[in-house]
Amino acid sequence: MKEFIFYGEEHHSDLPLLLSENNLGRVHSIFQNGVNIKMGKFLIFIGNTKNGRLPFGIHLEEDALNEFMACVKDDLVVCWKGFSLYFANKEKLMKLDLQTSTPFVNSIPKCKPEKVNFPSFEQFVALCIDNGEPIGIDDLYMDQFLLYYLNNQEIVQTELAIKVSDLMKAVFSEDEEFIELTLRYFLGRGKGLTPSGDDILVGLLAVHAVSGMFSQTFLHVLKEIIQAEPITTDVSIEYLQYALNGKFSSVIVHIMNDLLTEASAELKQHFSDLVQVGHSSGVDSSFGILLGMLTIRRIK
């Protein structure tokens, strides 16, 4: 049996405990930038930081990752033992050692609801308008949406426009039926590993993580849906579950920190990093962040 040893560079600080409680699994899916393993009911990403440092991520240096990806197969069983992950089948054994890996934490800022303010809101809006890329559902353009919204004009009443308006109401609603109907429109809607509707919800939840202002009913209904049924992809469910617990990728954390800073010098670069994630995932997440801030500004 051939044996291979690899070394992790970074890992989220929560993962060792999670792995100790879910120590047996399998390779779930393989991508260009890394691999997902499923340990118990949890997904863990092993790969590069192209999409930021993930709250369920183990990250390798690029050369080590290339060698790792050349060896990993989708039939491998995975086991956690002695601060290392072991991948095995009848022909090979791979060890991913995390002993020297650096733990990281993506700390999202938190404000008291009465003190929530986004000093860099207008700068963020300008970046959204300049970006010019549509979200991944029905090619809705953020600049068009903003120009209608900020000028108090009626948006052309497409189904998506109506549902976006409903979503902005649902985050503060106590009507479970209305919330569920609205969420079911977005969950799983769109193409890709993380459909666009889910990415919008993740961005929206980042605003709640900062402000704590969304209704508990909204959060409860969302949690109930994604835990009860396979309404979207496994990867999206993982992102949404972490987002409900206030945990996000570093690209979103950076944006939220910038938005709470007056005239952030780094917002432009961090916005560029976010919108480059995936085919439209970053644009969709930024649209969700925008919606979250607009709803809070309207309420306040």
C-alpha atoms as a PDB file:
ATOM      1  CA  MET A   1       0.000   0.000   0.000  1.00  0.00           C
ATOM      2  CA  LYS A   2       1.348   3.411  -1.017  1.00  0.00           C
ATOM      3  CA  GLU A   3       1.542   6.050   1.712  1.00  0.00           C
ATOM      4  CA  PHE A   4       1.542   9.828   1.278  1.00  0.00           C
ATOM      5  CA  ILE A   5       1.974  12.542   3.930  1.00  0.00           C
ATOM      6  CA  PHE A   6       0.796  16.145   3.590  1.00  0.00           C
ATOM      7  CA  TYR A   7       0.848  19.074   6.007  1.00  0.00           C
ATOM      8  CA  GLY A   8      -1.891  21.629   6.555  1.00  0.00           C
ATOM      9  CA  GLU A   9      -0.983  25.308   6.589  1.00  0.00           C
ATOM     10  CA  GLU A  10      -4.095  26.705   8.344  1.00  0.00           C
ATOM     11  CA  HIS A  11      -7.333  25.389   9.831  1.00  0.00           C
ATOM     12  CA  HIS A  12     -10.330  26.989  11.467  1.00  0.00           C
ATOM     13  CA  SER A  13      -9.937  26.798  15.214  1.00  0.00           C
ATOM     14  CA  ASP A  14     -13.308  25.029  15.687  1.00  0.00           C
ATOM     15  CA  LEU A  15     -12.447  22.055  13.485  1.00  0.00           C
ATOM     16  CA  PRO A  16     -10.343  19.859  15.829  1.00  0.00           C
ATOM     17  CA  LEU A  17     -13.212  19.618  18.315  1.00  0.00           C
ATOM     18  CA  LEU A  18     -15.737  19.000  15.552  1.00  0.00           C
ATOM     19  CA  LEU A  19     -13.516  16.267  14.086  1.00  0.00           C
ATOM     20  CA  SER A  20     -12.965  14.622  17.450  1.00  0.00           C
ATOM     21  CA  GLU A  21     -16.757  14.289  17.742  1.00  0.00           C
ATOM     22  CA  ASN A  22     -17.224  13.222  14.111  1.00  0.00           C
ATOM     23  CA  ASN A  23     -14.099  11.203  13.400  1.00  0.00           C
ATOM     24  CA  LEU A  24     -15.204   8.975  10.526  1.00  0.00           C
ATOM     25  CA  GLY A  25     -16.366  10.006   7.076  1.00  0.00           C
ATOM     26  CA  ARG A  26     -15.649   9.986   3.367  1.00  0.00           C
ATOM     27  CA  VAL A  27     -14.620  12.146   0.435  1.00  0.00           C
ATOM     28  CA  HIS A  28     -17.770  14.004  -0.586  1.00  0.00           C
ATOM     29  CA  SER A  29     -16.785  16.012  -3.682  1.00  0.00           C
ATOM     30  CA  ILE A  30     -13.673  17.081  -5.567  1.00  0.00           C
ATOM     31  CA  PHE A  31     -13.154  20.471  -7.232  1.00  0.00           C
ATOM     32  CA  GLN A  32     -10.371  22.398  -8.928  1.00  0.00           C
ATOM     33  CA  ASN A  33      -9.582  24.371  -5.767  1.00  0.00           C
ATOM     34  CA  GLY A  34      -9.930  21.575  -3.234  1.00  0.00           C
ATOM     35  CA  VAL A  35     -12.035  18.763  -1.861  1.00  0.00           C
ATOM     36  CA  ASN A  36     -14.978  18.465   0.516  1.00  0.00           C
ATOM     37  CA  ILE A  37     -15.067  15.633   3.025  1.00  0.00           C
ATOM     38  CA  LYS A  38     -18.189  14.691   4.963  1.00  0.00           C
ATOM     39  CA  MET A  39     -17.568  13.847   8.602  1.00  0.00           C
ATOM     40  CA  GLY A  40     -20.785  12.769  10.257  1.00  0.00           C
ATOM     41  CA  LYS A  41     -23.314  15.348   9.043  1.00  0.00           C
ATOM     42  CA  PHE A  42     -20.690  18.089   8.578  1.00  0.00           C
ATOM     43  CA  LEU A  43     -18.778  19.137   5.477  1.00  0.00           C
ATOM     44  CA  ILE A  44     -15.152  20.239   5.703  1.00  0.00           C
ATOM     45  CA  PHE A  45     -13.302  21.918   2.853  1.00  0.00           C
ATOM     46  CA  ILE A  46      -9.630  21.137   2.218  1.00  0.00           C
ATOM     47  CA  GLY A  47      -8.082  23.431  -0.352  1.00  0.00           C
ATOM     48  CA  ASN A  48      -6.704  26.876  -1.128  1.00  0.00           C
ATOM     49  CA  THR A  49      -7.901  30.305   0.007  1.00  0.00           C
ATOM     50  CA  LYS A  50      -9.142  31.501  -3.385  1.00  0.00           C
ATOM     51  CA  ASN A  51     -12.592  32.010  -1.836  1.00  0.00           C
ATOM     52  CA  GLY A  52     -11.184  33.211   1.477  1.00  0.00           C
ATOM     53  CA  ARG A  53     -10.575  31.336   4.710  1.00  0.00           C
ATOM     54  CA  LEU A  54     -13.698  29.287   5.315  1.00  0.00           C
ATOM     55  CA  PRO A  55     -15.330  28.636   8.702  1.00  0.00           C
ATOM     56  CA  PHE A  56     -15.164  24.936   7.842  1.00  0.00           C
ATOM     57  CA  GLY A  57     -11.821  25.111   6.043  1.00  0.00           C
ATOM     58  CA  ILE A  58      -8.425  23.447   6.173  1.00  0.00           C
ATOM     59  CA  HIS A  59      -6.040  25.283   3.858  1.00  0.00           C
ATOM     60  CA  LEU A  60      -2.832  24.056   2.239  1.00  0.00           C
ATOM     61  CA  GLU A  61      -0.002  25.853   0.469  1.00  0.00           C
ATOM     62  CA  GLU A  62      -0.478  25.715  -3.297  1.00  0.00           C
ATOM     63  CA  ASP A  63       2.319  23.218  -4.058  1.00  0.00           C
ATOM     64  CA  ALA A  64       1.188  20.875  -1.288  1.00  0.00           C
ATOM     65  CA  LEU A  65      -2.418  21.220  -2.445  1.00  0.00           C
ATOM     66  CA  ASN A  66      -1.496  20.293  -6.031  1.00  0.00           C
ATOM     67  CA  GLU A  67       0.187  17.112  -4.784  1.00  0.00           C
ATOM     68  CA  PHE A  68      -2.732  16.360  -2.470  1.00  0.00           C
ATOM     69  CA  MET A  69      -5.279  16.812  -5.273  1.00  0.00           C
ATOM     70  CA  ALA A  70      -3.282  14.486  -7.530  1.00  0.00           C
ATOM     71  CA  CYS A  71      -3.655  11.719  -4.923  1.00  0.00           C
ATOM     72  CA  VAL A  72      -7.175  12.170  -3.576  1.00  0.00           C
ATOM     73  CA  LYS A  73      -9.983  10.013  -4.992  1.00  0.00           C
ATOM     74  CA  ASP A  74     -13.718   9.993  -4.415  1.00  0.00           C
ATOM     75  CA  ASP A  75     -13.707   6.438  -3.016  1.00  0.00           C
ATOM     76  CA  LEU A  76     -11.512   7.233  -0.008  1.00  0.00           C
ATOM     77  CA  VAL A  77     -12.675   6.680   3.550  1.00  0.00           C
ATOM     78  CA  VAL A  78     -11.572   9.441   5.945  1.00  0.00           C
ATOM     79  CA  CYS A  79     -10.655   9.102   9.616  1.00  0.00           C
ATOM     80  CA  TRP A  80      -9.533  11.664  12.223  1.00  0.00           C
ATOM     81  CA  LYS A  81      -6.896  10.429  14.660  1.00  0.00           C
ATOM     82  CA  GLY A  82      -4.063  12.096  16.563  1.00  0.00           C
ATOM     83  CA  PHE A  83      -4.596  15.554  15.056  1.00  0.00           C
ATOM     84  CA  SER A  84      -4.390  14.155  11.538  1.00  0.00           C
ATOM     85  CA  LEU A  85      -6.832  13.139   8.825  1.00  0.00           C
ATOM     86  CA  TYR A  86      -6.251   9.757   7.183  1.00  0.00           C
ATOM     87  CA  PHE A  87      -7.595   8.933   3.716  1.00  0.00           C
ATOM     88  CA  ALA A  88      -7.559   5.282   2.721  1.00  0.00           C
ATOM     89  CA  ASN A  89      -8.729   2.603   0.323  1.00  0.00           C
ATOM     90  CA  LYS A  90      -7.214  -0.757  -0.570  1.00  0.00           C
ATOM     91  CA  GLU A  91      -4.432   0.788  -2.662  1.00  0.00           C
ATOM     92  CA  LYS A  92      -3.328   3.908  -0.801  1.00  0.00           C
ATOM     93  CA  LEU A  93      -3.089   5.672   2.531  1.00  0.00           C
ATOM     94  CA  MET A  94      -2.864   9.467   2.768  1.00  0.00           C
ATOM     95  CA  LYS A  95      -2.180  11.447   5.921  1.00  0.00           C
ATOM     96  CA  LEU A  96      -2.985  15.149   6.307  1.00  0.00           C
ATOM     97  CA  ASP A  97      -1.089  16.280   9.400  1.00  0.00           C
ATOM     98  CA  LEU A  98      -2.414  19.375  11.214  1.00  0.00           C
ATOM     99  CA  GLN A  99       0.135  19.374  14.052  1.00  0.00           C
ATOM    100  CA  THR A 100       1.963  22.375  12.606  1.00  0.00           C
ATOM    101  CA  SER A 101      -1.106  23.957  10.993  1.00  0.00           C
ATOM    102  CA  THR A 102      -1.990  27.458  12.259  1.00  0.00           C
ATOM    103  CA  PRO A 103      -5.513  27.867  13.690  1.00  0.00           C
ATOM    104  CA  PHE A 104      -7.469  30.925  12.549  1.00  0.00           C
ATOM    105  CA  VAL A 105     -10.734  32.600  13.560  1.00  0.00           C
ATOM    106  CA  ASN A 106     -12.931  34.729  11.302  1.00  0.00           C
ATOM    107  CA  SER A 107     -14.263  37.208  13.865  1.00  0.00           C
ATOM    108  CA  ILE A 108     -17.332  39.099  12.686  1.00  0.00           C
ATOM    109  CA  PRO A 109     -17.901  42.441  14.450  1.00  0.00           C
ATOM    110  CA  LYS A 110     -21.032  42.851  16.584  1.00  0.00           C
ATOM    111  CA  CYS A 111     -22.947  45.999  17.520  1.00  0.00           C
ATOM    112  CA  LYS A 112     -25.825  46.709  19.862  1.00  0.00           C
ATOM    113  CA  PRO A 113     -29.007  47.130  17.748  1.00  0.00           C
ATOM    114  CA  GLU A 114     -29.516  50.720  18.888  1.00  0.00           C
ATOM    115  CA  LYS A 115     -25.957  51.603  17.832  1.00  0.00           C
ATOM    116  CA  VAL A 116     -25.927  49.892  14.449  1.00  0.00           C
ATOM    117  CA  ASN A 117     -24.536  52.188  11.791  1.00  0.00           C
ATOM    118  CA  PHE A 118     -22.714  51.572   8.533  1.00  0.00           C
ATOM    119  CA  PRO A 119     -20.441  54.591   7.953  1.00  0.00           C
ATOM    120  CA  SER A 120     -19.171  53.153   4.655  1.00  0.00           C
ATOM    121  CA  PHE A 121     -22.661  52.389   3.298  1.00  0.00           C
ATOM    122  CA  GLU A 122     -22.504  54.993   0.528  1.00  0.00           C
ATOM    123  CA  GLN A 123     -19.056  53.812  -0.534  1.00  0.00           C
ATOM    124  CA  PHE A 124     -20.387  50.245  -0.701  1.00  0.00           C
ATOM    125  CA  VAL A 125     -23.385  51.392  -2.786  1.00  0.00           C
ATOM    126  CA  ALA A 126     -21.051  53.153  -5.220  1.00  0.00           C
ATOM    127  CA  LEU A 127     -19.005  49.950  -5.597  1.00  0.00           C
ATOM    128  CA  CYS A 128     -22.174  47.934  -6.243  1.00  0.00           C
ATOM    129  CA  ILE A 129     -23.223  50.372  -8.972  1.00  0.00           C
ATOM    130  CA  ASP A 130     -19.766  50.424 -10.560  1.00  0.00           C
ATOM    131  CA  ASN A 131     -19.455  46.640 -10.535  1.00  0.00           C
ATOM    132  CA  GLY A 132     -22.054  46.224 -13.271  1.00  0.00           C
ATOM    133  CA  GLU A 133     -22.444  42.446 -12.916  1.00  0.00           C
ATOM    134  CA  PRO A 134     -25.911  40.875 -12.526  1.00  0.00           C
ATOM    135  CA  ILE A 135     -26.833  38.591  -9.674  1.00  0.00           C
ATOM    136  CA  GLY A 136     -27.245  34.942 -10.598  1.00  0.00           C
ATOM    137  CA  ILE A 137     -31.060  34.929 -10.635  1.00  0.00           C
ATOM    138  CA  ASP A 138     -32.759  36.310 -13.746  1.00  0.00           C
ATOM    139  CA  ASP A 139     -29.947  38.787 -14.397  1.00  0.00           C
ATOM    140  CA  LEU A 140     -31.105  41.439 -11.924  1.00  0.00           C
ATOM    141  CA  TYR A 141     -28.514  44.217 -11.945  1.00  0.00           C
ATOM    142  CA  MET A 142     -27.616  45.843  -8.618  1.00  0.00           C
ATOM    143  CA  ASP A 143     -27.165  49.278 -10.192  1.00  0.00           C
ATOM    144  CA  GLN A 144     -30.659  49.143 -11.698  1.00  0.00           C
ATOM    145  CA  PHE A 145     -32.154  47.950  -8.416  1.00  0.00           C
ATOM    146  CA  LEU A 146     -30.381  50.687  -6.450  1.00  0.00           C
ATOM    147  CA  LEU A 147     -31.334  53.485  -8.787  1.00  0.00           C
ATOM    148  CA  TYR A 148     -34.996  52.531  -8.521  1.00  0.00           C
ATOM    149  CA  TYR A 149     -34.854  51.927  -4.775  1.00  0.00           C
ATOM    150  CA  LEU A 150     -32.897  55.014  -3.744  1.00  0.00           C
ATOM    151  CA  ASN A 151     -35.048  57.277  -5.931  1.00  0.00           C
ATOM    152  CA  ASN A 152     -38.248  55.788  -4.473  1.00  0.00           C
ATOM    153  CA  GLN A 153     -39.364  54.598  -7.899  1.00  0.00           C
ATOM    154  CA  GLU A 154     -41.327  51.447  -8.524  1.00  0.00           C
ATOM    155  CA  ILE A 155     -39.149  48.566  -9.676  1.00  0.00           C
ATOM    156  CA  VAL A 156     -40.498  46.752 -12.722  1.00  0.00           C
ATOM    157  CA  GLN A 157     -42.694  44.177 -11.040  1.00  0.00           C
ATOM    158  CA  THR A 158     -41.068  40.950 -12.132  1.00  0.00           C
ATOM    159  CA  GLU A 159     -41.469  37.904  -9.914  1.00  0.00           C
ATOM    160  CA  LEU A 160     -37.910  38.348  -8.632  1.00  0.00           C
ATOM    161  CA  ALA A 161     -38.434  42.033  -7.816  1.00  0.00           C
ATOM    162  CA  ILE A 162     -41.551  41.159  -5.829  1.00  0.00           C
ATOM    163  CA  LYS A 163     -39.722  38.402  -3.948  1.00  0.00           C
ATOM    164  CA  VAL A 164     -36.780  40.690  -3.161  1.00  0.00           C
ATOM    165  CA  SER A 165     -39.243  43.158  -1.667  1.00  0.00           C
ATOM    166  CA  ASP A 166     -40.859  40.309   0.302  1.00  0.00           C
ATOM    167  CA  LEU A 167     -37.449  39.198   1.596  1.00  0.00           C
ATOM    168  CA  MET A 168     -36.725  42.687   2.907  1.00  0.00           C
ATOM    169  CA  LYS A 169     -40.007  42.515   4.836  1.00  0.00           C
ATOM    170  CA  ALA A 170     -39.576  38.896   5.957  1.00  0.00           C
ATOM    171  CA  VAL A 171     -36.404  39.527   7.978  1.00  0.00           C
ATOM    172  CA  PHE A 172     -38.422  41.542  10.513  1.00  0.00           C
ATOM    173  CA  SER A 173     -41.657  39.581  10.221  1.00  0.00           C
ATOM    174  CA  GLU A 174     -43.257  37.301  12.816  1.00  0.00           C
ATOM    175  CA  ASP A 175     -45.525  35.656  10.209  1.00  0.00           C
ATOM    176  CA  GLU A 176     -44.117  32.133   9.826  1.00  0.00           C
ATOM    177  CA  GLU A 177     -46.179  31.325   6.731  1.00  0.00           C
ATOM    178  CA  PHE A 178     -45.044  34.481   4.913  1.00  0.00           C
ATOM    179  CA  ILE A 179     -41.417  33.926   5.931  1.00  0.00           C
ATOM    180  CA  GLU A 180     -41.433  30.296   4.800  1.00  0.00           C
ATOM    181  CA  LEU A 181     -43.031  31.126   1.456  1.00  0.00           C
ATOM    182  CA  THR A 182     -40.437  33.843   0.856  1.00  0.00           C
ATOM    183  CA  LEU A 183     -37.459  31.719   1.894  1.00  0.00           C
ATOM    184  CA  ARG A 184     -38.561  28.808  -0.281  1.00  0.00           C
ATOM    185  CA  TYR A 185     -38.366  31.056  -3.314  1.00  0.00           C
ATOM    186  CA  PHE A 186     -34.670  31.781  -2.682  1.00  0.00           C
ATOM    187  CA  LEU A 187     -33.381  28.500  -1.207  1.00  0.00           C
ATOM    188  CA  GLY A 188     -31.778  26.407  -3.930  1.00  0.00           C
ATOM    189  CA  ARG A 189     -32.662  28.919  -6.652  1.00  0.00           C
ATOM    190  CA  GLY A 190     -30.002  29.364  -9.305  1.00  0.00           C
ATOM    191  CA  LYS A 191     -27.156  27.272 -10.610  1.00  0.00           C
ATOM    192  CA  GLY A 192     -23.858  26.158  -9.175  1.00  0.00           C
ATOM    193  CA  LEU A 193     -22.332  24.621  -6.101  1.00  0.00           C
ATOM    194  CA  THR A 194     -23.958  27.330  -3.988  1.00  0.00           C
ATOM    195  CA  PRO A 195     -27.085  28.556  -5.810  1.00  0.00           C
ATOM    196  CA  SER A 196     -27.564  32.310  -6.046  1.00  0.00           C
ATOM    197  CA  GLY A 197     -30.566  32.470  -3.735  1.00  0.00           C
ATOM    198  CA  ASP A 198     -28.559  30.834  -0.944  1.00  0.00           C
ATOM    199  CA  ASP A 199     -25.650  33.232  -1.427  1.00  0.00           C
ATOM    200  CA  ILE A 200     -28.045  36.177  -1.108  1.00  0.00           C
ATOM    201  CA  LEU A 201     -29.287  34.740   2.190  1.00  0.00           C
ATOM    202  CA  VAL A 202     -25.723  34.278   3.472  1.00  0.00           C
ATOM    203  CA  GLY A 203     -24.974  37.951   2.742  1.00  0.00           C
ATOM    204  CA  LEU A 204     -28.210  38.946   4.450  1.00  0.00           C
ATOM    205  CA  LEU A 205     -27.304  36.898   7.531  1.00  0.00           C
ATOM    206  CA  ALA A 206     -23.927  38.654   7.740  1.00  0.00           C
ATOM    207  CA  VAL A 207     -25.807  41.903   8.364  1.00  0.00           C
ATOM    208  CA  HIS A 208     -27.826  40.201  11.094  1.00  0.00           C
ATOM    209  CA  ALA A 209     -24.626  38.836  12.640  1.00  0.00           C
ATOM    210  CA  VAL A 210     -23.392  42.417  13.002  1.00  0.00           C
ATOM    211  CA  SER A 211     -26.676  43.997  14.053  1.00  0.00           C
ATOM    212  CA  GLY A 212     -28.704  41.263  15.772  1.00  0.00           C
ATOM    213  CA  MET A 213     -31.823  42.975  14.410  1.00  0.00           C
ATOM    214  CA  PHE A 214     -33.612  40.290  12.388  1.00  0.00           C
ATOM    215  CA  SER A 215     -36.587  38.537  13.950  1.00  0.00           C
ATOM    216  CA  GLN A 216     -36.004  35.259  15.750  1.00  0.00           C
ATOM    217  CA  THR A 217     -38.966  33.868  13.814  1.00  0.00           C
ATOM    218  CA  PHE A 218     -37.167  34.507  10.517  1.00  0.00           C
ATOM    219  CA  LEU A 219     -34.014  32.785  11.782  1.00  0.00           C
ATOM    220  CA  HIS A 220     -35.979  29.880  13.256  1.00  0.00           C
ATOM    221  CA  VAL A 221     -37.945  29.219  10.054  1.00  0.00           C
ATOM    222  CA  LEU A 222     -34.761  29.269   7.946  1.00  0.00           C
ATOM    223  CA  LYS A 223     -33.026  26.870  10.323  1.00  0.00           C
ATOM    224  CA  GLU A 224     -36.016  24.524  10.356  1.00  0.00           C
ATOM    225  CA  ILE A 225     -36.201  24.353   6.566  1.00  0.00           C
ATOM    226  CA  ILE A 226     -32.523  23.637   5.894  1.00  0.00           C
ATOM    227  CA  GLN A 227     -32.304  21.040   8.669  1.00  0.00           C
ATOM    228  CA  ALA A 228     -35.496  19.234   7.696  1.00  0.00           C
ATOM    229  CA  GLU A 229     -35.057  18.702   3.961  1.00  0.00           C
ATOM    230  CA  PRO A 230     -32.525  18.691   1.110  1.00  0.00           C
ATOM    231  CA  ILE A 231     -33.873  21.927  -0.357  1.00  0.00           C
ATOM    232  CA  THR A 232     -30.488  22.984  -1.747  1.00  0.00           C
ATOM    233  CA  THR A 233     -26.939  21.652  -2.149  1.00  0.00           C
ATOM    234  CA  ASP A 234     -24.966  20.178   0.745  1.00  0.00           C
ATOM    235  CA  VAL A 235     -22.375  22.943   0.427  1.00  0.00           C
ATOM    236  CA  SER A 236     -24.993  25.701   0.571  1.00  0.00           C
ATOM    237  CA  ILE A 237     -26.590  24.128   3.636  1.00  0.00           C
ATOM    238  CA  GLU A 238     -23.180  24.129   5.315  1.00  0.00           C
ATOM    239  CA  TYR A 239     -22.634  27.833   4.562  1.00  0.00           C
ATOM    240  CA  LEU A 240     -26.152  28.701   5.746  1.00  0.00           C
ATOM    241  CA  GLN A 241     -25.807  26.751   8.990  1.00  0.00           C
ATOM    242  CA  TYR A 242     -22.536  28.494   9.781  1.00  0.00           C
ATOM    243  CA  ALA A 243     -24.061  31.858   8.841  1.00  0.00           C
ATOM    244  CA  LEU A 244     -26.959  31.249  11.237  1.00  0.00           C
ATOM    245  CA  ASN A 245     -24.292  30.841  13.933  1.00  0.00           C
ATOM    246  CA  GLY A 246     -22.548  34.076  12.920  1.00  0.00           C
ATOM    247  CA  LYS A 247     -19.633  32.411  11.111  1.00  0.00           C
ATOM    248  CA  PHE A 248     -18.562  33.404   7.610  1.00  0.00           C
ATOM    249  CA  SER A 249     -15.698  33.246   5.141  1.00  0.00           C
ATOM    250  CA  SER A 250     -12.938  35.791   5.616  1.00  0.00           C
ATOM    251  CA  VAL A 251     -13.968  37.702   2.472  1.00  0.00           C
ATOM    252  CA  ILE A 252     -17.368  38.475   4.041  1.00  0.00           C
ATOM    253  CA  VAL A 253     -15.862  39.189   7.465  1.00  0.00           C
ATOM    254  CA  HIS A 254     -13.503  41.753   5.905  1.00  0.00           C
ATOM    255  CA  ILE A 255     -16.406  43.511   4.175  1.00  0.00           C
ATOM    256  CA  MET A 256     -18.467  43.700   7.372  1.00  0.00           C
ATOM    257  CA  ASN A 257     -15.507  45.130   9.286  1.00  0.00           C
ATOM    258  CA  ASP A 258     -15.010  47.718   6.529  1.00  0.00           C
ATOM    259  CA  LEU A 259     -18.684  48.733   6.544  1.00  0.00           C
ATOM    260  CA  LEU A 260     -18.437  49.643  10.215  1.00  0.00           C
ATOM    261  CA  THR A 261     -15.401  51.850   9.545  1.00  0.00           C
ATOM    262  CA  GLU A 262     -15.579  55.449   8.369  1.00  0.00           C
ATOM    263  CA  ALA A 263     -14.154  55.712   4.829  1.00  0.00           C
ATOM    264  CA  SER A 264     -12.421  52.349   4.959  1.00  0.00           C
ATOM    265  CA  ALA A 265      -9.288  52.382   2.824  1.00  0.00           C
ATOM    266  CA  GLU A 266      -9.555  48.630   2.224  1.00  0.00           C
ATOM    267  CA  LEU A 267     -13.233  48.367   1.257  1.00  0.00           C
ATOM    268  CA  LYS A 268     -12.592  48.678  -2.484  1.00  0.00           C
ATOM    269  CA  GLN A 269     -10.060  45.830  -2.474  1.00  0.00           C
ATOM    270  CA  HIS A 270     -12.173  43.645  -0.183  1.00  0.00           C
ATOM    271  CA  PHE A 271     -15.247  44.256  -2.354  1.00  0.00           C
ATOM    272  CA  SER A 272     -13.223  43.205  -5.407  1.00  0.00           C
ATOM    273  CA  ASP A 273     -12.118  40.045  -3.562  1.00  0.00           C
ATOM    274  CA  LEU A 274     -15.731  39.222  -2.689  1.00  0.00           C
ATOM    275  CA  VAL A 275     -17.312  39.707  -6.119  1.00  0.00           C
ATOM    276  CA  GLN A 276     -14.652  37.484  -7.704  1.00  0.00           C
ATOM    277  CA  VAL A 277     -15.741  34.483  -5.609  1.00  0.00           C
ATOM    278  CA  GLY A 278     -17.318  31.787  -7.771  1.00  0.00           C
ATOM    279  CA  HIS A 279     -19.302  32.411 -10.954  1.00  0.00           C
ATOM    280  CA  SER A 280     -21.740  34.778  -9.236  1.00  0.00           C
ATOM    281  CA  SER A 281     -21.528  33.773  -5.553  1.00  0.00           C
ATOM    282  CA  GLY A 282     -19.626  36.887  -4.495  1.00  0.00           C
ATOM    283  CA  VAL A 283     -21.962  39.219  -6.379  1.00  0.00           C
ATOM    284  CA  ASP A 284     -24.974  37.436  -4.875  1.00  0.00           C
ATOM    285  CA  SER A 285     -23.538  37.666  -1.356  1.00  0.00           C
ATOM    286  CA  SER A 286     -22.808  41.370  -1.807  1.00  0.00           C
ATOM    287  CA  PHE A 287     -26.419  41.860  -2.956  1.00  0.00           C
ATOM    288  CA  GLY A 288     -27.596  40.119   0.223  1.00  0.00           C
ATOM    289  CA  ILE A 289     -25.405  42.441   2.320  1.00  0.00           C
ATOM    290  CA  LEU A 290     -26.856  45.416   0.458  1.00  0.00           C
ATOM    291  CA  LEU A 291     -30.434  44.254   1.087  1.00  0.00           C
ATOM    292  CA  GLY A 292     -29.666  43.747   4.771  1.00  0.00           C
ATOM    293  CA  MET A 293     -28.318  47.266   5.179  1.00  0.00           C
ATOM    294  CA  LEU A 294     -31.213  48.802   3.227  1.00  0.00           C
ATOM    295  CA  THR A 295     -33.781  47.055   5.423  1.00  0.00           C
ATOM    296  CA  ILE A 296     -32.089  48.276   8.602  1.00  0.00           C
ATOM    297  CA  ARG A 297     -31.780  51.836   7.299  1.00  0.00           C
ATOM    298  CA  ARG A 298     -35.467  51.809   6.359  1.00  0.00           C
ATOM    299  CA  ILE A 299     -36.520  50.564   9.804  1.00  0.00           C
ATOM    300  CA  LYS A 300     -34.264  53.015  11.656  1.00  0.00           C
END
